[in-house]
Amino acid sequence: EEHLEKIIQTMISDVKASADVLRREYSDNPQAIEILRMLKAFDEEIERAGLDKNFKIMNDEAIRSYVERYLQLKQRLKQFNL
């Protein structure tokens, strides 16, 4: 459980940090703007779900879904070396 909490906290921090870098470094890049929108929507969904606080009561499938979406976003961020 502690390991899962660390993974989720890392994921949340990385989403926020990646969004900050895109905003700061690639504000005029259309691909970055699209990914930034996706990151913002994902971050808002995480906050609404309270993933950082409620992961203990979420089922494995819901948590897996968040992690899979995170990994998809990370794949798209590779073009920006993030």
N, C-alpha and C. Protein backbone atom coordinates (compact mmCIF):
# COMPACT_ATOMS: atom_id res chain seq x y z
N GLU A 1 0.83 -1.19 0.00
CA GLU A 1 0.00 0.00 0.00
C GLU A 1 0.87 1.26 0.00
N GLU A 2 1.94 1.26 0.77
CA GLU A 2 2.84 2.40 0.80
C GLU A 2 3.52 2.61 -0.55
N HIS A 3 3.85 1.50 -1.20
CA HIS A 3 4.47 1.55 -2.52
C HIS A 3 3.50 2.18 -3.53
N LEU A 4 2.25 1.79 -3.49
CA LEU A 4 1.23 2.34 -4.39
C LEU A 4 1.05 3.84 -4.15
N GLU A 5 1.05 4.23 -2.89
CA GLU A 5 0.90 5.66 -2.56
C GLU A 5 2.05 6.46 -3.16
N LYS A 6 3.26 5.93 -3.07
CA LYS A 6 4.42 6.63 -3.62
C LYS A 6 4.31 6.74 -5.14
N ILE A 7 3.86 5.70 -5.80
CA ILE A 7 3.68 5.72 -7.26
C ILE A 7 2.66 6.80 -7.64
N ILE A 8 1.56 6.84 -6.94
CA ILE A 8 0.50 7.81 -7.25
C ILE A 8 1.00 9.24 -7.01
N GLN A 9 1.68 9.47 -5.90
CA GLN A 9 2.20 10.80 -5.61
C GLN A 9 3.22 11.23 -6.67
N THR A 10 4.06 10.31 -7.11
CA THR A 10 5.04 10.60 -8.15
C THR A 10 4.34 10.95 -9.45
N MET A 11 3.33 10.18 -9.80
CA MET A 11 2.57 10.41 -11.01
C MET A 11 1.93 11.80 -10.99
N ILE A 12 1.30 12.15 -9.89
CA ILE A 12 0.63 13.45 -9.76
C ILE A 12 1.65 14.58 -9.87
N SER A 13 2.76 14.45 -9.19
CA SER A 13 3.81 15.48 -9.25
C SER A 13 4.36 15.63 -10.65
N ASP A 14 4.55 14.52 -11.33
CA ASP A 14 5.11 14.54 -12.68
C ASP A 14 4.15 15.22 -13.66
N VAL A 15 2.85 14.96 -13.52
CA VAL A 15 1.86 15.59 -14.39
C VAL A 15 1.93 17.11 -14.22
N LYS A 16 1.97 17.57 -12.99
CA LYS A 16 2.03 19.01 -12.71
C LYS A 16 3.34 19.62 -13.22
N ALA A 17 4.45 18.94 -13.00
CA ALA A 17 5.75 19.46 -13.44
C ALA A 17 5.84 19.49 -14.97
N SER A 18 5.34 18.46 -15.62
CA SER A 18 5.36 18.43 -17.08
C SER A 18 4.52 19.55 -17.66
N ALA A 19 3.36 19.80 -17.07
CA ALA A 19 2.51 20.89 -17.52
C ALA A 19 3.22 22.23 -17.35
N ASP A 20 3.90 22.41 -16.25
CA ASP A 20 4.64 23.66 -16.01
C ASP A 20 5.72 23.88 -17.07
N VAL A 21 6.46 22.82 -17.39
CA VAL A 21 7.52 22.93 -18.40
C VAL A 21 6.93 23.24 -19.76
N LEU A 22 5.86 22.56 -20.14
CA LEU A 22 5.24 22.83 -21.44
C LEU A 22 4.77 24.28 -21.51
N ARG A 23 4.14 24.74 -20.45
CA ARG A 23 3.65 26.12 -20.41
C ARG A 23 4.80 27.12 -20.56
N ARG A 24 5.89 26.85 -19.88
CA ARG A 24 7.02 27.77 -19.84
C ARG A 24 7.89 27.69 -21.11
N GLU A 25 8.18 26.49 -21.56
CA GLU A 25 9.16 26.30 -22.63
C GLU A 25 8.57 26.16 -24.04
N TYR A 26 7.32 25.73 -24.13
CA TYR A 26 6.75 25.41 -25.44
C TYR A 26 5.38 26.07 -25.64
N SER A 27 5.22 27.27 -25.14
CA SER A 27 3.91 27.92 -25.15
C SER A 27 3.37 28.20 -26.54
N ASP A 28 4.23 28.22 -27.56
CA ASP A 28 3.76 28.49 -28.91
C ASP A 28 3.76 27.24 -29.81
N ASN A 29 4.02 26.08 -29.24
CA ASN A 29 4.06 24.83 -30.00
C ASN A 29 2.66 24.17 -29.96
N PRO A 30 2.04 24.00 -31.13
CA PRO A 30 0.67 23.44 -31.16
C PRO A 30 0.56 22.05 -30.52
N GLN A 31 1.57 21.20 -30.71
CA GLN A 31 1.54 19.87 -30.10
C GLN A 31 1.63 19.98 -28.59
N ALA A 32 2.47 20.88 -28.12
CA ALA A 32 2.62 21.07 -26.68
C ALA A 32 1.32 21.61 -26.08
N ILE A 33 0.67 22.51 -26.78
CA ILE A 33 -0.60 23.07 -26.30
C ILE A 33 -1.65 21.98 -26.19
N GLU A 34 -1.68 21.08 -27.18
CA GLU A 34 -2.64 19.97 -27.13
C GLU A 34 -2.36 19.05 -25.94
N ILE A 35 -1.10 18.70 -25.75
CA ILE A 35 -0.73 17.84 -24.62
C ILE A 35 -0.99 18.55 -23.30
N LEU A 36 -0.74 19.84 -23.27
CA LEU A 36 -0.99 20.62 -22.05
C LEU A 36 -2.48 20.56 -21.68
N ARG A 37 -3.35 20.65 -22.68
CA ARG A 37 -4.79 20.52 -22.42
C ARG A 37 -5.11 19.14 -21.84
N MET A 38 -4.48 18.12 -22.39
CA MET A 38 -4.70 16.76 -21.92
C MET A 38 -4.20 16.60 -20.48
N LEU A 39 -3.03 17.16 -20.20
CA LEU A 39 -2.48 17.09 -18.84
C LEU A 39 -3.38 17.82 -17.85
N LYS A 40 -3.88 18.98 -18.27
CA LYS A 40 -4.75 19.76 -17.38
C LYS A 40 -6.04 18.99 -17.09
N ALA A 41 -6.63 18.39 -18.13
CA ALA A 41 -7.86 17.61 -17.94
C ALA A 41 -7.59 16.41 -17.03
N PHE A 42 -6.47 15.76 -17.23
CA PHE A 42 -6.11 14.60 -16.40
C PHE A 42 -5.89 15.02 -14.96
N ASP A 43 -5.19 16.14 -14.77
CA ASP A 43 -4.95 16.65 -13.42
C ASP A 43 -6.27 17.01 -12.73
N GLU A 44 -7.18 17.64 -13.46
CA GLU A 44 -8.48 17.99 -12.87
C GLU A 44 -9.27 16.73 -12.49
N GLU A 45 -9.19 15.73 -13.34
CA GLU A 45 -9.88 14.47 -13.04
C GLU A 45 -9.29 13.80 -11.80
N ILE A 46 -7.98 13.83 -11.69
CA ILE A 46 -7.31 13.26 -10.52
C ILE A 46 -7.76 13.99 -9.25
N GLU A 47 -7.84 15.32 -9.35
CA GLU A 47 -8.26 16.09 -8.18
C GLU A 47 -9.72 15.82 -7.82
N ARG A 48 -10.60 15.77 -8.83
CA ARG A 48 -12.02 15.47 -8.57
C ARG A 48 -12.19 14.12 -7.90
N ALA A 49 -11.43 13.15 -8.38
CA ALA A 49 -11.53 11.80 -7.83
C ALA A 49 -10.83 11.71 -6.47
N GLY A 50 -10.00 12.68 -6.17
CA GLY A 50 -9.24 12.64 -4.93
C GLY A 50 -8.28 11.47 -4.91
N LEU A 51 -7.70 11.20 -6.06
CA LEU A 51 -6.83 10.03 -6.19
C LEU A 51 -5.74 10.01 -5.14
N ASP A 52 -5.19 11.17 -4.84
CA ASP A 52 -4.09 11.20 -3.86
C ASP A 52 -4.56 10.85 -2.45
N LYS A 53 -5.85 11.00 -2.19
CA LYS A 53 -6.37 10.70 -0.85
C LYS A 53 -7.23 9.43 -0.81
N ASN A 54 -7.89 9.15 -1.92
CA ASN A 54 -8.87 8.06 -1.94
C ASN A 54 -8.39 6.78 -2.61
N PHE A 55 -7.12 6.71 -2.96
CA PHE A 55 -6.67 5.53 -3.70
C PHE A 55 -6.89 4.25 -2.90
N LYS A 56 -6.91 4.35 -1.58
CA LYS A 56 -7.07 3.15 -0.75
C LYS A 56 -8.45 2.52 -0.91
N ILE A 57 -9.45 3.35 -1.28
CA ILE A 57 -10.79 2.79 -1.43
C ILE A 57 -11.16 2.54 -2.90
N MET A 58 -10.27 2.92 -3.81
CA MET A 58 -10.53 2.69 -5.24
C MET A 58 -10.20 1.24 -5.58
N ASN A 59 -10.93 0.74 -6.55
CA ASN A 59 -10.62 -0.62 -6.98
C ASN A 59 -9.39 -0.61 -7.90
N ASP A 60 -8.81 -1.77 -8.04
CA ASP A 60 -7.58 -1.89 -8.83
C ASP A 60 -7.78 -1.42 -10.27
N GLU A 61 -8.94 -1.68 -10.83
CA GLU A 61 -9.20 -1.31 -12.21
C GLU A 61 -9.17 0.21 -12.38
N ALA A 62 -9.74 0.95 -11.44
CA ALA A 62 -9.74 2.40 -11.51
C ALA A 62 -8.32 2.95 -11.41
N ILE A 63 -7.55 2.43 -10.49
CA ILE A 63 -6.17 2.87 -10.34
C ILE A 63 -5.37 2.53 -11.59
N ARG A 64 -5.56 1.35 -12.10
CA ARG A 64 -4.86 0.92 -13.32
C ARG A 64 -5.20 1.86 -14.48
N SER A 65 -6.44 2.29 -14.57
CA SER A 65 -6.86 3.20 -15.63
C SER A 65 -6.11 4.52 -15.55
N TYR A 66 -5.97 5.07 -14.34
CA TYR A 66 -5.21 6.31 -14.17
C TYR A 66 -3.75 6.12 -14.57
N VAL A 67 -3.17 5.03 -14.14
CA VAL A 67 -1.76 4.78 -14.46
C VAL A 67 -1.57 4.59 -15.96
N GLU A 68 -2.48 3.88 -16.61
CA GLU A 68 -2.38 3.69 -18.06
C GLU A 68 -2.47 5.02 -18.80
N ARG A 69 -3.39 5.87 -18.39
CA ARG A 69 -3.52 7.18 -19.02
C ARG A 69 -2.26 8.01 -18.79
N TYR A 70 -1.73 7.93 -17.60
CA TYR A 70 -0.49 8.64 -17.29
C TYR A 70 0.63 8.16 -18.22
N LEU A 71 0.76 6.86 -18.39
CA LEU A 71 1.81 6.32 -19.25
C LEU A 71 1.62 6.74 -20.70
N GLN A 72 0.38 6.84 -21.15
CA GLN A 72 0.10 7.32 -22.51
C GLN A 72 0.53 8.78 -22.66
N LEU A 73 0.24 9.58 -21.64
CA LEU A 73 0.67 10.98 -21.69
C LEU A 73 2.19 11.08 -21.67
N LYS A 74 2.84 10.26 -20.86
CA LYS A 74 4.30 10.27 -20.82
C LYS A 74 4.89 9.91 -22.18
N GLN A 75 4.25 8.99 -22.87
CA GLN A 75 4.72 8.62 -24.21
C GLN A 75 4.65 9.82 -25.15
N ARG A 76 3.58 10.58 -25.06
CA ARG A 76 3.44 11.77 -25.91
C ARG A 76 4.44 12.86 -25.52
N LEU A 77 4.82 12.89 -24.26
CA LEU A 77 5.75 13.91 -23.78
C LEU A 77 7.20 13.62 -24.18
N LYS A 78 7.47 12.41 -24.64
CA LYS A 78 8.85 12.05 -25.01
C LYS A 78 9.40 12.97 -26.10
N GLN A 79 8.53 13.44 -26.98
CA GLN A 79 9.01 14.32 -28.05
C GLN A 79 9.57 15.64 -27.50
N PHE A 80 9.20 15.97 -26.27
CA PHE A 80 9.71 17.18 -25.62
C PHE A 80 10.76 16.85 -24.55
N ASN A 81 11.21 15.60 -24.57
CA ASN A 81 12.21 15.12 -23.60
C ASN A 81 11.75 15.29 -22.16
N LEU A 82 10.47 15.05 -21.94
CA LEU A 82 9.91 15.13 -20.58
C LEU A 82 9.50 13.75 -20.11
